[in-house]
Protein backbone atom coordinates (compact mmCIF):
# COMPACT_ATOMS: atom_id res chain seq x y z
CA MET A 1 -3.70 -18.60 0.34
CA SER A 2 -3.18 -16.46 3.57
CA LYS A 3 -5.93 -14.06 4.69
CA SER A 4 -3.02 -11.33 5.35
CA VAL A 5 -2.74 -8.30 3.28
CA PHE A 6 0.52 -7.01 3.56
CA ILE A 7 0.24 -2.97 3.59
CA LEU A 8 3.98 -1.97 3.01
CA ASN A 9 4.83 1.83 3.73
CA GLY A 10 8.11 3.25 2.60
CA PRO A 11 10.42 5.91 3.52
CA ASN A 12 9.23 8.99 5.73
CA LEU A 13 5.70 7.57 6.02
CA ASN A 14 6.55 7.22 9.57
CA LEU A 15 6.33 10.99 9.72
CA LEU A 16 2.70 11.23 8.58
CA GLY A 17 0.80 13.95 10.50
CA THR A 18 3.86 16.17 10.92
CA ARG A 19 5.50 15.93 7.50
CA GLU A 20 4.33 18.62 5.07
CA PRO A 21 0.59 18.31 6.49
CA ASP A 22 -0.37 20.80 3.64
CA ILE A 23 0.33 17.62 1.20
CA TYR A 24 -0.24 14.63 3.20
CA GLY A 25 -2.79 15.96 5.97
CA SER A 26 -2.74 15.44 9.56
CA ALA A 27 -3.63 11.83 9.85
CA THR A 28 -0.62 9.57 11.16
CA LEU A 29 0.76 6.28 10.33
CA LYS A 30 -1.25 4.65 13.25
CA ASP A 31 -4.30 6.26 11.59
CA VAL A 32 -3.66 4.50 8.42
CA GLU A 33 -2.75 1.20 10.04
CA ASP A 34 -6.15 1.53 12.01
CA LEU A 35 -8.12 2.14 8.91
CA CYS A 36 -6.43 -0.70 6.99
CA ARG A 37 -7.15 -3.31 9.95
CA ALA A 38 -10.88 -2.26 10.26
CA THR A 39 -11.51 -2.27 6.36
CA ALA A 40 -9.60 -5.60 6.10
CA ALA A 41 -11.58 -7.02 8.78
CA GLU A 42 -14.81 -6.11 6.80
CA PHE A 43 -13.93 -8.91 4.36
CA GLY A 44 -12.44 -11.42 6.72
CA LEU A 45 -8.73 -10.44 6.02
CA GLU A 46 -6.09 -9.33 8.15
CA ALA A 47 -4.05 -6.32 7.57
CA ASP A 48 -0.23 -6.72 8.26
CA CYS A 49 1.01 -3.23 8.59
CA ARG A 50 4.82 -2.63 8.31
CA GLN A 51 6.71 0.62 7.42
CA SER A 52 10.51 1.04 6.66
CA ASN A 53 12.80 3.62 5.41
CA ALA A 54 14.97 0.96 4.30
CA GLU A 55 14.74 -0.51 0.61
CA GLY A 56 15.96 -3.87 1.69
CA ASP A 57 13.31 -4.38 4.25
CA LEU A 58 10.58 -3.59 1.70
CA ILE A 59 12.01 -6.16 -0.70
CA ASP A 60 12.18 -8.73 2.07
CA TRP A 61 8.54 -8.23 3.10
CA ILE A 62 7.42 -8.54 -0.59
CA GLN A 63 9.32 -11.67 -0.83
CA GLU A 64 7.67 -12.85 2.50
CA ALA A 65 4.14 -12.12 1.09
CA GLY A 66 5.00 -14.20 -1.97
CA ARG A 67 6.01 -17.10 0.02
CA LEU A 68 2.80 -17.20 2.05
CA PRO A 69 1.18 -16.32 -0.53
CA ALA A 70 -0.35 -13.22 0.95
CA ALA A 71 -4.02 -12.20 -0.22
CA GLY A 72 -2.36 -9.32 -1.62
CA ILE A 73 -0.09 -6.45 -1.18
CA LEU A 74 -0.73 -2.74 -0.80
CA ILE A 75 2.40 -0.66 -1.33
CA ASN A 76 3.07 3.04 -0.85
CA ALA A 77 6.71 2.92 -1.58
CA GLY A 78 7.12 6.64 -1.20
CA ALA A 79 10.02 7.99 -3.01
CA TYR A 80 11.21 4.56 -3.96
CA SER A 81 8.38 4.40 -6.27
CA HIS A 82 10.21 6.73 -8.44
CA THR A 83 13.54 5.32 -8.25
CA SER A 84 13.62 1.58 -6.89
CA ILE A 85 13.78 -1.09 -9.92
CA ALA A 86 14.79 -3.63 -7.06
CA ILE A 87 11.39 -3.09 -5.36
CA ARG A 88 9.73 -3.25 -8.49
CA ASP A 89 11.38 -6.45 -9.48
CA ALA A 90 10.48 -8.02 -6.18
CA LEU A 91 6.73 -7.20 -6.68
CA SER A 92 6.80 -8.75 -10.13
CA ALA A 93 8.09 -11.85 -8.75
CA VAL A 94 5.10 -12.46 -6.40
CA LYS A 95 1.71 -14.00 -7.41
CA SER A 96 -0.24 -11.92 -4.91
CA PRO A 97 -2.33 -9.16 -6.43
CA ILE A 98 -0.73 -5.76 -5.90
CA VAL A 99 -2.25 -2.15 -5.32
CA GLU A 100 -0.09 0.74 -5.40
CA VAL A 101 -1.38 3.69 -2.95
CA HIS A 102 0.01 7.19 -2.90
CA ILE A 103 -1.67 9.78 -0.49
CA SER A 104 -0.92 12.85 -2.71
CA ASN A 105 -1.67 13.09 -6.33
CA ILE A 106 1.82 12.40 -7.74
CA PHE A 107 0.76 13.70 -11.09
CA ALA A 108 0.05 17.22 -9.63
CA ARG A 109 3.70 17.43 -8.06
CA GLU A 110 7.19 17.77 -9.19
CA THR A 111 7.79 16.21 -12.52
CA PHE A 112 10.12 13.54 -11.27
CA ARG A 113 7.27 11.99 -9.27
CA HIS A 114 5.19 11.46 -12.23
CA HIS A 115 6.68 8.05 -13.01
CA SER A 116 6.37 5.11 -10.85
CA HIS A 117 8.22 1.85 -11.31
CA MET A 118 5.60 -0.01 -9.22
CA SER A 119 2.47 0.85 -11.40
CA GLY A 120 3.43 -1.37 -14.28
CA VAL A 121 3.08 -4.54 -11.93
CA ALA A 122 0.17 -3.32 -9.78
CA PHE A 123 -3.35 -4.14 -10.93
CA ALA A 124 -4.47 -0.85 -9.65
CA VAL A 125 -2.94 2.60 -8.62
CA LEU A 126 -4.81 5.10 -6.36
CA THR A 127 -3.32 8.59 -5.90
CA GLY A 128 -4.44 11.84 -4.36
CA PHE A 129 -7.29 10.49 -2.09
CA GLY A 130 -5.38 10.76 0.98
CA ILE A 131 -5.37 8.30 3.63
CA GLU A 132 -8.85 7.16 2.17
CA GLY A 133 -6.90 5.71 -0.72
CA TYR A 134 -5.93 2.81 1.41
CA ARG A 135 -9.62 2.06 2.35
CA LEU A 136 -10.50 2.08 -1.47
CA ALA A 137 -7.24 0.00 -2.03
CA ILE A 138 -8.33 -2.72 0.23
CA ASN A 139 -12.00 -2.48 -1.10
CA GLY A 140 -10.73 -3.03 -4.82
CA LEU A 141 -8.35 -5.78 -3.69
CA ALA A 142 -11.15 -7.67 -1.73
CA ALA A 143 -13.35 -7.28 -5.14
CA ARG A 144 -10.46 -8.74 -7.10
CA ILE A 145 -9.86 -11.82 -5.00
CA LYS A 146 -13.55 -12.16 -4.55
CA ALA A 147 -13.45 -11.97 -0.76
CA PRO A 148 -17.25 -11.50 0.38
CA ARG A 149 -17.90 -8.62 2.71
CA ILE A 150 -18.72 -10.10 6.22
CA LYS A 151 -18.98 -7.13 8.20
CA ALA A 152 -20.48 -3.66 7.77
CA ALA A 153 -18.33 -0.70 7.64
CA SER A 154 -17.83 1.15 11.03
């Protein structure tokens, strides 16, 4: 098994920090990626951070993670969470553990956001913690795969 954790971010997450900061905060995608890399390193893992607005890219990366196999997948599929059965099917085909992450609390928002196709194939879902949800997700994933903490949090 690879030491890579795939951090997959979907549509519009490249706009973090400028898009609806009242909902998503002021942190940028680079801030998310830096947080993920630092947290993964605490467990001897490597965060492979990727973002795309294209559904097919996300599916290709999920399949790549499955072939390695990756230590795990953290996915914030953005709006695709609520619409993409294709991404859900790709996730269900991999053996790597999956955590679904949402920066905002999708259940406190519009009704169409209350259902995620990804949740049924993830072992955990974090929603509403802001970008801190990514840190929590990596910590949970590390516990799931029994990766010991090798470095103190910075």
